[in-house]
Amino acid sequence: RERGLNVPEDLSVVGFDDSDISRVVWPPLTTIRQPVEDMAHRAMDML
């Protein structure tokens, strides 16, 4: 936006994590959702 570009018309942007900001930023982010809770449970089991 600082450069006068529009997303996604001029620049496509992809994020990672599906955090809250991914849904409230404009336009909403294409992102990767990871099974964070399952990952934490599995890590505890391994430990």
All heavy atoms as atom14 arrays in JSON, in Angstrom:
{
  "sequence": "RERGLNVPEDLSVVGFDDSDISRVVWPPLTTIRQPVEDMAHRAMDML",
  "atom14_mask": [
    [1, 1, 1, 1, 1, 1, 1, 1, 1, 1, 1, 0, 0, 0],
    [1, 1, 1, 1, 1, 1, 1, 1, 1, 0, 0, 0, 0, 0],
    [1, 1, 1, 1, 1, 1, 1, 1, 1, 1, 1, 0, 0, 0],
    [1, 1, 1, 1, 0, 0, 0, 0, 0, 0, 0, 0, 0, 0],
    [1, 1, 1, 1, 1, 1, 1, 1, 0, 0, 0, 0, 0, 0],
    [1, 1, 1, 1, 1, 1, 1, 1, 0, 0, 0, 0, 0, 0],
    [1, 1, 1, 1, 1, 1, 1, 0, 0, 0, 0, 0, 0, 0],
    [1, 1, 1, 1, 1, 1, 1, 0, 0, 0, 0, 0, 0, 0],
    [1, 1, 1, 1, 1, 1, 1, 1, 1, 0, 0, 0, 0, 0],
    [1, 1, 1, 1, 1, 1, 1, 1, 0, 0, 0, 0, 0, 0],
    [1, 1, 1, 1, 1, 1, 1, 1, 0, 0, 0, 0, 0, 0],
    [1, 1, 1, 1, 1, 1, 0, 0, 0, 0, 0, 0, 0, 0],
    [1, 1, 1, 1, 1, 1, 1, 0, 0, 0, 0, 0, 0, 0],
    [1, 1, 1, 1, 1, 1, 1, 0, 0, 0, 0, 0, 0, 0],
    [1, 1, 1, 1, 0, 0, 0, 0, 0, 0, 0, 0, 0, 0],
    [1, 1, 1, 1, 1, 1, 1, 1, 1, 1, 1, 0, 0, 0],
    [1, 1, 1, 1, 1, 1, 1, 1, 0, 0, 0, 0, 0, 0],
    [1, 1, 1, 1, 1, 1, 1, 1, 0, 0, 0, 0, 0, 0],
    [1, 1, 1, 1, 1, 1, 0, 0, 0, 0, 0, 0, 0, 0],
    [1, 1, 1, 1, 1, 1, 1, 1, 0, 0, 0, 0, 0, 0],
    [1, 1, 1, 1, 1, 1, 1, 1, 0, 0, 0, 0, 0, 0],
    [1, 1, 1, 1, 1, 1, 0, 0, 0, 0, 0, 0, 0, 0],
    [1, 1, 1, 1, 1, 1, 1, 1, 1, 1, 1, 0, 0, 0],
    [1, 1, 1, 1, 1, 1, 1, 0, 0, 0, 0, 0, 0, 0],
    [1, 1, 1, 1, 1, 1, 1, 0, 0, 0, 0, 0, 0, 0],
    [1, 1, 1, 1, 1, 1, 1, 1, 1, 1, 1, 1, 1, 1],
    [1, 1, 1, 1, 1, 1, 1, 0, 0, 0, 0, 0, 0, 0],
    [1, 1, 1, 1, 1, 1, 1, 0, 0, 0, 0, 0, 0, 0],
    [1, 1, 1, 1, 1, 1, 1, 1, 0, 0, 0, 0, 0, 0],
    [1, 1, 1, 1, 1, 1, 1, 0, 0, 0, 0, 0, 0, 0],
    [1, 1, 1, 1, 1, 1, 1, 0, 0, 0, 0, 0, 0, 0],
    [1, 1, 1, 1, 1, 1, 1, 1, 0, 0, 0, 0, 0, 0],
    [1, 1, 1, 1, 1, 1, 1, 1, 1, 1, 1, 0, 0, 0],
    [1, 1, 1, 1, 1, 1, 1, 1, 1, 0, 0, 0, 0, 0],
    [1, 1, 1, 1, 1, 1, 1, 0, 0, 0, 0, 0, 0, 0],
    [1, 1, 1, 1, 1, 1, 1, 0, 0, 0, 0, 0, 0, 0],
    [1, 1, 1, 1, 1, 1, 1, 1, 1, 0, 0, 0, 0, 0],
    [1, 1, 1, 1, 1, 1, 1, 1, 0, 0, 0, 0, 0, 0],
    [1, 1, 1, 1, 1, 1, 1, 1, 0, 0, 0, 0, 0, 0],
    [1, 1, 1, 1, 1, 0, 0, 0, 0, 0, 0, 0, 0, 0],
    [1, 1, 1, 1, 1, 1, 1, 1, 1, 1, 0, 0, 0, 0],
    [1, 1, 1, 1, 1, 1, 1, 1, 1, 1, 1, 0, 0, 0],
    [1, 1, 1, 1, 1, 0, 0, 0, 0, 0, 0, 0, 0, 0],
    [1, 1, 1, 1, 1, 1, 1, 1, 0, 0, 0, 0, 0, 0],
    [1, 1, 1, 1, 1, 1, 1, 1, 0, 0, 0, 0, 0, 0],
    [1, 1, 1, 1, 1, 1, 1, 1, 0, 0, 0, 0, 0, 0],
    [1, 1, 1, 1, 1, 1, 1, 1, 0, 0, 0, 0, 0, 0]
  ],
  "atom14_positions": [
    [[0.83, -1.22, 0.0], [0.0, 0.0, 0.0], [0.86, 1.26, 0.0], [0.51, 2.25, -0.65], [-0.95, -0.01, 1.19], [-2.06, -1.01, 1.01], [-3.23, -0.73, 1.93], [-4.26, -1.72, 1.68], [-4.67, -2.61, 2.57], [-4.16, -2.61, 3.79], [-5.61, -3.48, 2.27], [0.0, 0.0, 0.0], [0.0, 0.0, 0.0], [0.0, 0.0, 0.0]],
    [[1.97, 1.22, 0.74], [2.89, 2.37, 0.74], [3.37, 2.7, -0.67], [3.59, 3.86, -0.99], [4.13, 2.06, 1.59], [3.93, 2.04, 3.06], [5.19, 1.64, 3.81], [6.2, 1.25, 3.17], [5.16, 1.7, 5.05], [0.0, 0.0, 0.0], [0.0, 0.0, 0.0], [0.0, 0.0, 0.0], [0.0, 0.0, 0.0], [0.0, 0.0, 0.0]],
    [[3.51, 1.69, -1.5], [4.0, 1.87, -2.87], [2.86, 2.08, -3.86], [3.09, 2.11, -5.07], [4.84, 0.67, -3.29], [6.1, 0.53, -2.46], [6.97, -0.61, -2.95], [7.62, -0.32, -4.22], [8.75, 0.35, -4.37], [9.36, 0.85, -3.32], [9.27, 0.54, -5.57], [0.0, 0.0, 0.0], [0.0, 0.0, 0.0], [0.0, 0.0, 0.0]],
    [[1.63, 2.18, -3.36], [0.49, 2.38, -4.24], [0.03, 1.11, -4.94], [-0.68, 1.2, -5.95], [0.0, 0.0, 0.0], [0.0, 0.0, 0.0], [0.0, 0.0, 0.0], [0.0, 0.0, 0.0], [0.0, 0.0, 0.0], [0.0, 0.0, 0.0], [0.0, 0.0, 0.0], [0.0, 0.0, 0.0], [0.0, 0.0, 0.0], [0.0, 0.0, 0.0]],
    [[0.42, -0.04, -4.43], [0.04, -1.32, -5.03], [-1.21, -1.85, -4.35], [-1.41, -1.67, -3.14], [1.17, -2.34, -4.89], [2.5, -1.96, -5.52], [3.57, -2.99, -5.16], [2.36, -1.81, -7.03], [0.0, 0.0, 0.0], [0.0, 0.0, 0.0], [0.0, 0.0, 0.0], [0.0, 0.0, 0.0], [0.0, 0.0, 0.0], [0.0, 0.0, 0.0]],
    [[-2.02, -2.54, -5.13], [-3.21, -3.2, -4.6], [-2.97, -4.69, -4.49], [-2.39, -5.29, -5.38], [-4.42, -2.95, -5.52], [-4.84, -1.51, -5.52], [-4.97, -0.9, -4.47], [-5.05, -0.96, -6.7], [0.0, 0.0, 0.0], [0.0, 0.0, 0.0], [0.0, 0.0, 0.0], [0.0, 0.0, 0.0], [0.0, 0.0, 0.0], [0.0, 0.0, 0.0]],
    [[-3.44, -5.26, -3.4], [-3.39, -6.71, -3.19], [-4.8, -7.22, -3.41], [-5.75, -6.69, -2.83], [-2.91, -7.04, -1.76], [-2.98, -8.53, -1.48], [-1.48, -6.51, -1.55], [0.0, 0.0, 0.0], [0.0, 0.0, 0.0], [0.0, 0.0, 0.0], [0.0, 0.0, 0.0], [0.0, 0.0, 0.0], [0.0, 0.0, 0.0], [0.0, 0.0, 0.0]],
    [[-5.02, -8.19, -4.28], [-4.06, -9.01, -5.01], [-3.83, -8.58, -6.46], [-3.09, -9.26, -7.18], [-4.73, -10.37, -5.0], [-6.18, -10.05, -5.17], [-6.38, -8.77, -4.38], [0.0, 0.0, 0.0], [0.0, 0.0, 0.0], [0.0, 0.0, 0.0], [0.0, 0.0, 0.0], [0.0, 0.0, 0.0], [0.0, 0.0, 0.0], [0.0, 0.0, 0.0]],
    [[-4.41, -7.48, -6.9], [-4.31, -7.1, -8.31], [-2.86, -6.88, -8.75], [-2.47, -7.31, -9.82], [-5.13, -5.83, -8.59], [-6.62, -6.01, -8.4], [-7.1, -5.83, -6.96], [-6.25, -5.6, -6.05], [-8.3, -5.95, -6.73], [0.0, 0.0, 0.0], [0.0, 0.0, 0.0], [0.0, 0.0, 0.0], [0.0, 0.0, 0.0], [0.0, 0.0, 0.0]],
    [[-2.06, -6.21, -7.91], [-0.67, -5.91, -8.24], [0.32, -6.86, -7.57], [1.44, -7.02, -8.02], [-0.32, -4.48, -7.83], [-1.2, -3.45, -8.51], [-1.39, -3.56, -9.74], [-1.7, -2.54, -7.82], [0.0, 0.0, 0.0], [0.0, 0.0, 0.0], [0.0, 0.0, 0.0], [0.0, 0.0, 0.0], [0.0, 0.0, 0.0], [0.0, 0.0, 0.0]],
    [[-0.07, -7.43, -6.44], [0.81, -8.3, -5.66], [-0.03, -9.32, -4.91], [-0.95, -8.94, -4.18], [1.62, -7.47, -4.65], [2.54, -8.25, -3.74], [3.75, -8.79, -4.51], [3.0, -7.38, -2.56], [0.0, 0.0, 0.0], [0.0, 0.0, 0.0], [0.0, 0.0, 0.0], [0.0, 0.0, 0.0], [0.0, 0.0, 0.0], [0.0, 0.0, 0.0]],
    [[0.28, -10.58, -5.11], [-0.36, -11.63, -4.31], [0.47, -11.86, -3.05], [1.71, -11.81, -3.09], [-0.45, -12.94, -5.11], [-1.46, -12.85, -6.08], [0.0, 0.0, 0.0], [0.0, 0.0, 0.0], [0.0, 0.0, 0.0], [0.0, 0.0, 0.0], [0.0, 0.0, 0.0], [0.0, 0.0, 0.0], [0.0, 0.0, 0.0], [0.0, 0.0, 0.0]],
    [[-0.21, -12.12, -1.94], [0.46, -12.32, -0.65], [-0.12, -13.57, 0.01], [-1.33, -13.74, 0.08], [0.27, -11.1, 0.28], [0.96, -11.34, 1.63], [0.8, -9.83, -0.38], [0.0, 0.0, 0.0], [0.0, 0.0, 0.0], [0.0, 0.0, 0.0], [0.0, 0.0, 0.0], [0.0, 0.0, 0.0], [0.0, 0.0, 0.0], [0.0, 0.0, 0.0]],
    [[0.79, -14.42, 0.49], [0.4, -15.63, 1.23], [1.09, -15.6, 2.58], [2.27, -15.27, 2.68], [0.8, -16.92, 0.46], [0.44, -18.16, 1.28], [0.12, -16.97, -0.89], [0.0, 0.0, 0.0], [0.0, 0.0, 0.0], [0.0, 0.0, 0.0], [0.0, 0.0, 0.0], [0.0, 0.0, 0.0], [0.0, 0.0, 0.0], [0.0, 0.0, 0.0]],
    [[0.34, -15.95, 3.61], [0.89, -16.02, 4.96], [0.99, -17.46, 5.44], [0.87, -18.41, 4.66], [0.0, 0.0, 0.0], [0.0, 0.0, 0.0], [0.0, 0.0, 0.0], [0.0, 0.0, 0.0], [0.0, 0.0, 0.0], [0.0, 0.0, 0.0], [0.0, 0.0, 0.0], [0.0, 0.0, 0.0], [0.0, 0.0, 0.0], [0.0, 0.0, 0.0]],
    [[1.16, -17.6, 6.74], [1.35, -18.9, 7.34], [0.85, -18.84, 8.77], [1.2, -17.92, 9.5], [2.85, -19.24, 7.36], [3.18, -20.65, 7.03], [3.62, -20.99, 5.77], [3.05, -21.65, 7.98], [3.95, -22.29, 5.44], [3.36, -22.96, 7.67], [3.82, -23.28, 6.4], [0.0, 0.0, 0.0], [0.0, 0.0, 0.0], [0.0, 0.0, 0.0]],
    [[0.04, -19.75, 9.17], [-0.43, -19.98, 10.55], [-1.93, -19.79, 10.75], [-2.46, -20.26, 11.74], [0.3, -19.13, 11.6], [1.77, -19.48, 11.72], [2.12, -20.64, 11.47], [2.56, -18.58, 12.06], [0.0, 0.0, 0.0], [0.0, 0.0, 0.0], [0.0, 0.0, 0.0], [0.0, 0.0, 0.0], [0.0, 0.0, 0.0], [0.0, 0.0, 0.0]],
    [[-2.61, -19.07, 9.86], [-4.03, -18.78, 10.05], [-4.29, -18.13, 11.4], [-5.2, -18.5, 12.13], [-4.9, -20.04, 9.87], [-6.38, -19.72, 9.81], [-6.74, -18.63, 9.3], [-7.2, -20.54, 10.27], [0.0, 0.0, 0.0], [0.0, 0.0, 0.0], [0.0, 0.0, 0.0], [0.0, 0.0, 0.0], [0.0, 0.0, 0.0], [0.0, 0.0, 0.0]],
    [[-3.47, -17.15, 11.75], [-3.66, -16.41, 12.99], [-4.81, -15.42, 12.82], [-5.31, -15.22, 11.71], [-2.37, -15.69, 13.39], [-2.04, -14.74, 12.4], [0.0, 0.0, 0.0], [0.0, 0.0, 0.0], [0.0, 0.0, 0.0], [0.0, 0.0, 0.0], [0.0, 0.0, 0.0], [0.0, 0.0, 0.0], [0.0, 0.0, 0.0], [0.0, 0.0, 0.0]],
    [[-5.21, -14.8, 13.91], [-6.34, -13.86, 13.86], [-6.14, -12.76, 12.83], [-7.08, -12.37, 12.14], [-6.57, -13.23, 15.24], [-7.12, -14.22, 16.25], [-7.64, -15.28, 15.85], [-7.01, -13.94, 17.47], [0.0, 0.0, 0.0], [0.0, 0.0, 0.0], [0.0, 0.0, 0.0], [0.0, 0.0, 0.0], [0.0, 0.0, 0.0], [0.0, 0.0, 0.0]],
    [[-4.9, -12.26, 12.71], [-4.65, -11.16, 11.77], [-4.97, -11.56, 10.33], [-5.34, -10.73, 9.52], [-3.21, -10.62, 11.9], [-3.12, -9.22, 11.29], [-2.19, -11.58, 11.29], [-1.83, -8.49, 11.62], [0.0, 0.0, 0.0], [0.0, 0.0, 0.0], [0.0, 0.0, 0.0], [0.0, 0.0, 0.0], [0.0, 0.0, 0.0], [0.0, 0.0, 0.0]],
    [[-4.87, -12.85, 10.01], [-5.12, -13.3, 8.64], [-6.57, -13.09, 8.21], [-6.86, -12.98, 7.03], [-4.74, -14.78, 8.47], [-5.66, -15.63, 9.11], [0.0, 0.0, 0.0], [0.0, 0.0, 0.0], [0.0, 0.0, 0.0], [0.0, 0.0, 0.0], [0.0, 0.0, 0.0], [0.0, 0.0, 0.0], [0.0, 0.0, 0.0], [0.0, 0.0, 0.0]],
    [[-7.46, -13.01, 9.2], [-8.87, -12.84, 8.9], [-9.34, -11.39, 9.0], [-10.38, -11.04, 8.48], [-9.71, -13.73, 9.81], [-9.5, -15.22, 9.53], [-10.28, -16.13, 10.46], [-9.87, -16.07, 11.87], [-8.78, -16.66, 12.37], [-7.99, -17.34, 11.59], [-8.5, -16.58, 13.64], [0.0, 0.0, 0.0], [0.0, 0.0, 0.0], [0.0, 0.0, 0.0]],
    [[-8.56, -10.53, 9.68], [-9.0, -9.15, 9.86], [-8.27, -8.16, 8.95], [-8.76, -7.07, 8.72], [-8.89, -8.69, 11.33], [-9.79, -9.52, 12.21], [-7.46, -8.73, 11.82], [0.0, 0.0, 0.0], [0.0, 0.0, 0.0], [0.0, 0.0, 0.0], [0.0, 0.0, 0.0], [0.0, 0.0, 0.0], [0.0, 0.0, 0.0], [0.0, 0.0, 0.0]],
    [[-7.1, -8.53, 8.43], [-6.4, -7.68, 7.49], [-7.2, -7.65, 6.18], [-7.96, -8.57, 5.89], [-4.95, -8.19, 7.27], [-4.91, -9.46, 6.48], [-4.07, -7.15, 6.65], [0.0, 0.0, 0.0], [0.0, 0.0, 0.0], [0.0, 0.0, 0.0], [0.0, 0.0, 0.0], [0.0, 0.0, 0.0], [0.0, 0.0, 0.0], [0.0, 0.0, 0.0]],
    [[-7.04, -6.56, 5.4], [-7.75, -6.48, 4.13], [-6.76, -6.43, 2.99], [-5.87, -5.6, 3.01], [-8.68, -5.27, 4.07], [-9.52, -5.37, 2.83], [-9.33, -4.72, 1.66], [-10.65, -6.21, 2.65], [-10.28, -5.11, 0.74], [-11.09, -6.03, 1.33], [-11.32, -7.12, 3.44], [-12.18, -6.71, 0.8], [-12.39, -7.79, 2.92], [-12.83, -7.58, 1.62]],
    [[-6.92, -7.29, 2.01], [-7.9, -8.37, 1.95], [-7.49, -9.53, 2.87], [-6.32, -9.64, 3.22], [-7.84, -8.81, 0.47], [-6.44, -8.51, 0.05], [-6.05, -7.27, 0.82], [0.0, 0.0, 0.0], [0.0, 0.0, 0.0], [0.0, 0.0, 0.0], [0.0, 0.0, 0.0], [0.0, 0.0, 0.0], [0.0, 0.0, 0.0], [0.0, 0.0, 0.0]],
    [[-8.46, -10.36, 3.25], [-8.13, -11.51, 4.09], [-7.05, -12.37, 3.42], [-7.06, -12.55, 2.21], [-9.45, -12.27, 4.22], [-10.5, -11.24, 3.94], [-9.89, -10.29, 2.94], [0.0, 0.0, 0.0], [0.0, 0.0, 0.0], [0.0, 0.0, 0.0], [0.0, 0.0, 0.0], [0.0, 0.0, 0.0], [0.0, 0.0, 0.0], [0.0, 0.0, 0.0]],
    [[-6.13, -12.85, 4.24], [-4.96, -13.57, 3.74], [-5.24, -15.0, 3.31], [-5.87, -15.77, 4.04], [-3.89, -13.65, 4.82], [-2.98, -12.48, 5.03], [-2.11, -12.71, 6.26], [-2.13, -12.22, 3.81], [0.0, 0.0, 0.0], [0.0, 0.0, 0.0], [0.0, 0.0, 0.0], [0.0, 0.0, 0.0], [0.0, 0.0, 0.0], [0.0, 0.0, 0.0]],
    [[-4.69, -15.34, 2.16], [-4.51, -16.75, 1.84], [-3.39, -17.2, 2.76], [-2.36, -16.53, 2.88], [-4.11, -16.91, 0.35], [-5.21, -16.5, -0.46], [-3.74, -18.35, 0.03], [0.0, 0.0, 0.0], [0.0, 0.0, 0.0], [0.0, 0.0, 0.0], [0.0, 0.0, 0.0], [0.0, 0.0, 0.0], [0.0, 0.0, 0.0], [0.0, 0.0, 0.0]],
    [[-3.59, -18.31, 3.45], [-2.63, -18.72, 4.48], [-2.66, -20.23, 4.67], [-3.55, -20.92, 4.16], [-2.91, -17.98, 5.8], [-1.86, -18.22, 6.74], [-4.24, -18.4, 6.41], [0.0, 0.0, 0.0], [0.0, 0.0, 0.0], [0.0, 0.0, 0.0], [0.0, 0.0, 0.0], [0.0, 0.0, 0.0], [0.0, 0.0, 0.0], [0.0, 0.0, 0.0]],
    [[-1.71, -20.72, 5.41], [-1.64, -22.13, 5.77], [-2.15, -22.29, 7.2], [-1.67, -21.6, 8.11], [-0.18, -22.65, 5.69], [0.34, -22.61, 4.26], [-0.07, -24.05, 6.29], [-0.2, -23.67, 3.34], [0.0, 0.0, 0.0], [0.0, 0.0, 0.0], [0.0, 0.0, 0.0], [0.0, 0.0, 0.0], [0.0, 0.0, 0.0], [0.0, 0.0, 0.0]],
    [[-3.09, -23.19, 7.37], [-3.56, -23.54, 8.72], [-2.85, -24.82, 9.12], [-2.87, -25.81, 8.4], [-5.07, -23.75, 8.77], [-5.55, -24.19, 10.17], [-7.02, -24.53, 10.19], [-7.8, -23.31, 9.95], [-9.02, -23.32, 9.43], [-9.59, -24.45, 9.06], [-9.66, -22.18, 9.24], [0.0, 0.0, 0.0], [0.0, 0.0, 0.0], [0.0, 0.0, 0.0]],
    [[-2.23, -24.77, 10.28], [-1.58, -25.95, 10.81], [-2.36, -26.45, 12.02], [-2.94, -25.64, 12.75], [-0.15, -25.62, 11.24], [0.71, -25.17, 10.08], [2.12, -24.97, 10.52], [2.94, -25.84, 10.33], [2.41, -23.83, 11.12], [0.0, 0.0, 0.0], [0.0, 0.0, 0.0], [0.0, 0.0, 0.0], [0.0, 0.0, 0.0], [0.0, 0.0, 0.0]],
    [[-2.33, -27.74, 12.27], [-3.04, -28.29, 13.43], [-2.23, -28.07, 14.71], [-1.66, -29.0, 15.28], [-3.16, -29.77, 13.08], [-1.95, -30.05, 12.24], [-1.72, -28.78, 11.45], [0.0, 0.0, 0.0], [0.0, 0.0, 0.0], [0.0, 0.0, 0.0], [0.0, 0.0, 0.0], [0.0, 0.0, 0.0], [0.0, 0.0, 0.0], [0.0, 0.0, 0.0]],
    [[-2.16, -26.81, 15.14], [-1.29, -26.43, 16.25], [-1.62, -27.2, 17.52], [-0.72, -27.69, 18.22], [-1.36, -24.9, 16.49], [-0.54, -24.5, 17.7], [-0.91, -24.16, 15.25], [0.0, 0.0, 0.0], [0.0, 0.0, 0.0], [0.0, 0.0, 0.0], [0.0, 0.0, 0.0], [0.0, 0.0, 0.0], [0.0, 0.0, 0.0], [0.0, 0.0, 0.0]],
    [[-2.9, -27.35, 17.84], [-3.27, -28.07, 19.05], [-2.83, -29.52, 18.97], [-2.26, -30.06, 19.93], [-4.79, -27.97, 19.29], [-5.21, -28.49, 20.64], [-6.68, -28.22, 20.92], [-7.17, -27.13, 20.59], [-7.32, -29.13, 21.47], [0.0, 0.0, 0.0], [0.0, 0.0, 0.0], [0.0, 0.0, 0.0], [0.0, 0.0, 0.0], [0.0, 0.0, 0.0]],
    [[-3.06, -30.16, 17.83], [-2.62, -31.55, 17.65], [-1.1, -31.66, 17.73], [-0.56, -32.62, 18.27], [-3.1, -32.1, 16.3], [-4.61, -32.27, 16.24], [-5.26, -32.29, 17.31], [-5.13, -32.38, 15.12], [0.0, 0.0, 0.0], [0.0, 0.0, 0.0], [0.0, 0.0, 0.0], [0.0, 0.0, 0.0], [0.0, 0.0, 0.0], [0.0, 0.0, 0.0]],
    [[-0.41, -30.66, 17.18], [1.06, -30.66, 17.22], [1.55, -30.57, 18.67], [2.49, -31.26, 19.06], [1.61, -29.5, 16.39], [1.38, -29.67, 14.89], [1.61, -28.15, 13.94], [3.35, -27.86, 14.11], [0.0, 0.0, 0.0], [0.0, 0.0, 0.0], [0.0, 0.0, 0.0], [0.0, 0.0, 0.0], [0.0, 0.0, 0.0], [0.0, 0.0, 0.0]],
    [[0.9, -29.73, 19.45], [1.3, -29.58, 20.85], [1.05, -30.86, 21.64], [1.91, -31.29, 22.43], [0.54, -28.41, 21.48], [0.0, 0.0, 0.0], [0.0, 0.0, 0.0], [0.0, 0.0, 0.0], [0.0, 0.0, 0.0], [0.0, 0.0, 0.0], [0.0, 0.0, 0.0], [0.0, 0.0, 0.0], [0.0, 0.0, 0.0], [0.0, 0.0, 0.0]],
    [[-0.1, -31.5, 21.4], [-0.4, -32.76, 22.09], [0.61, -33.84, 21.7], [1.1, -34.58, 22.56], [-1.83, -33.24, 21.76], [-2.89, -32.45, 22.45], [-3.14, -32.56, 23.79], [-3.76, -31.54, 21.97], [-4.13, -31.74, 24.12], [-4.52, -31.09, 23.02], [0.0, 0.0, 0.0], [0.0, 0.0, 0.0], [0.0, 0.0, 0.0], [0.0, 0.0, 0.0]],
    [[0.92, -33.91, 20.42], [1.88, -34.92, 19.94], [3.26, -34.66, 20.52], [3.96, -35.58, 20.92], [1.91, -34.93, 18.41], [2.81, -35.98, 17.83], [2.34, -37.4, 18.19], [3.32, -38.35, 17.72], [3.95, -39.22, 18.51], [3.66, -39.29, 19.79], [4.85, -40.03, 18.0], [0.0, 0.0, 0.0], [0.0, 0.0, 0.0], [0.0, 0.0, 0.0]],
    [[3.66, -33.4, 20.6], [4.97, -33.06, 21.18], [5.03, -33.47, 22.65], [6.05, -34.0, 23.11], [5.24, -31.57, 21.02], [0.0, 0.0, 0.0], [0.0, 0.0, 0.0], [0.0, 0.0, 0.0], [0.0, 0.0, 0.0], [0.0, 0.0, 0.0], [0.0, 0.0, 0.0], [0.0, 0.0, 0.0], [0.0, 0.0, 0.0], [0.0, 0.0, 0.0]],
    [[3.94, -33.24, 23.37], [3.9, -33.65, 24.79], [3.99, -35.17, 24.91], [4.71, -35.69, 25.78], [2.64, -33.12, 25.47], [2.68, -31.64, 25.75], [4.07, -31.12, 26.8], [3.75, -32.04, 28.28], [0.0, 0.0, 0.0], [0.0, 0.0, 0.0], [0.0, 0.0, 0.0], [0.0, 0.0, 0.0], [0.0, 0.0, 0.0], [0.0, 0.0, 0.0]],
    [[3.27, -35.87, 24.06], [3.34, -37.35, 24.08], [4.76, -37.83, 23.81], [5.26, -38.74, 24.49], [2.39, -37.95, 23.03], [0.93, -37.83, 23.41], [0.63, -37.54, 24.6], [0.08, -38.01, 22.51], [0.0, 0.0, 0.0], [0.0, 0.0, 0.0], [0.0, 0.0, 0.0], [0.0, 0.0, 0.0], [0.0, 0.0, 0.0], [0.0, 0.0, 0.0]],
    [[5.41, -37.22, 22.83], [6.79, -37.61, 22.5], [7.72, -37.33, 23.68], [8.58, -38.15, 24.01], [7.25, -36.85, 21.26], [6.53, -37.28, 19.99], [6.9, -36.21, 18.57], [8.5, -36.87, 18.1], [0.0, 0.0, 0.0], [0.0, 0.0, 0.0], [0.0, 0.0, 0.0], [0.0, 0.0, 0.0], [0.0, 0.0, 0.0], [0.0, 0.0, 0.0]],
    [[7.55, -36.18, 24.32], [8.39, -35.82, 25.46], [8.19, -36.8, 26.61], [9.16, -37.25, 27.23], [8.07, -34.39, 25.91], [8.85, -33.88, 27.11], [10.35, -33.89, 26.82], [8.39, -32.48, 27.49], [0.0, 0.0, 0.0], [0.0, 0.0, 0.0], [0.0, 0.0, 0.0], [0.0, 0.0, 0.0], [0.0, 0.0, 0.0], [0.0, 0.0, 0.0]]
  ]
}
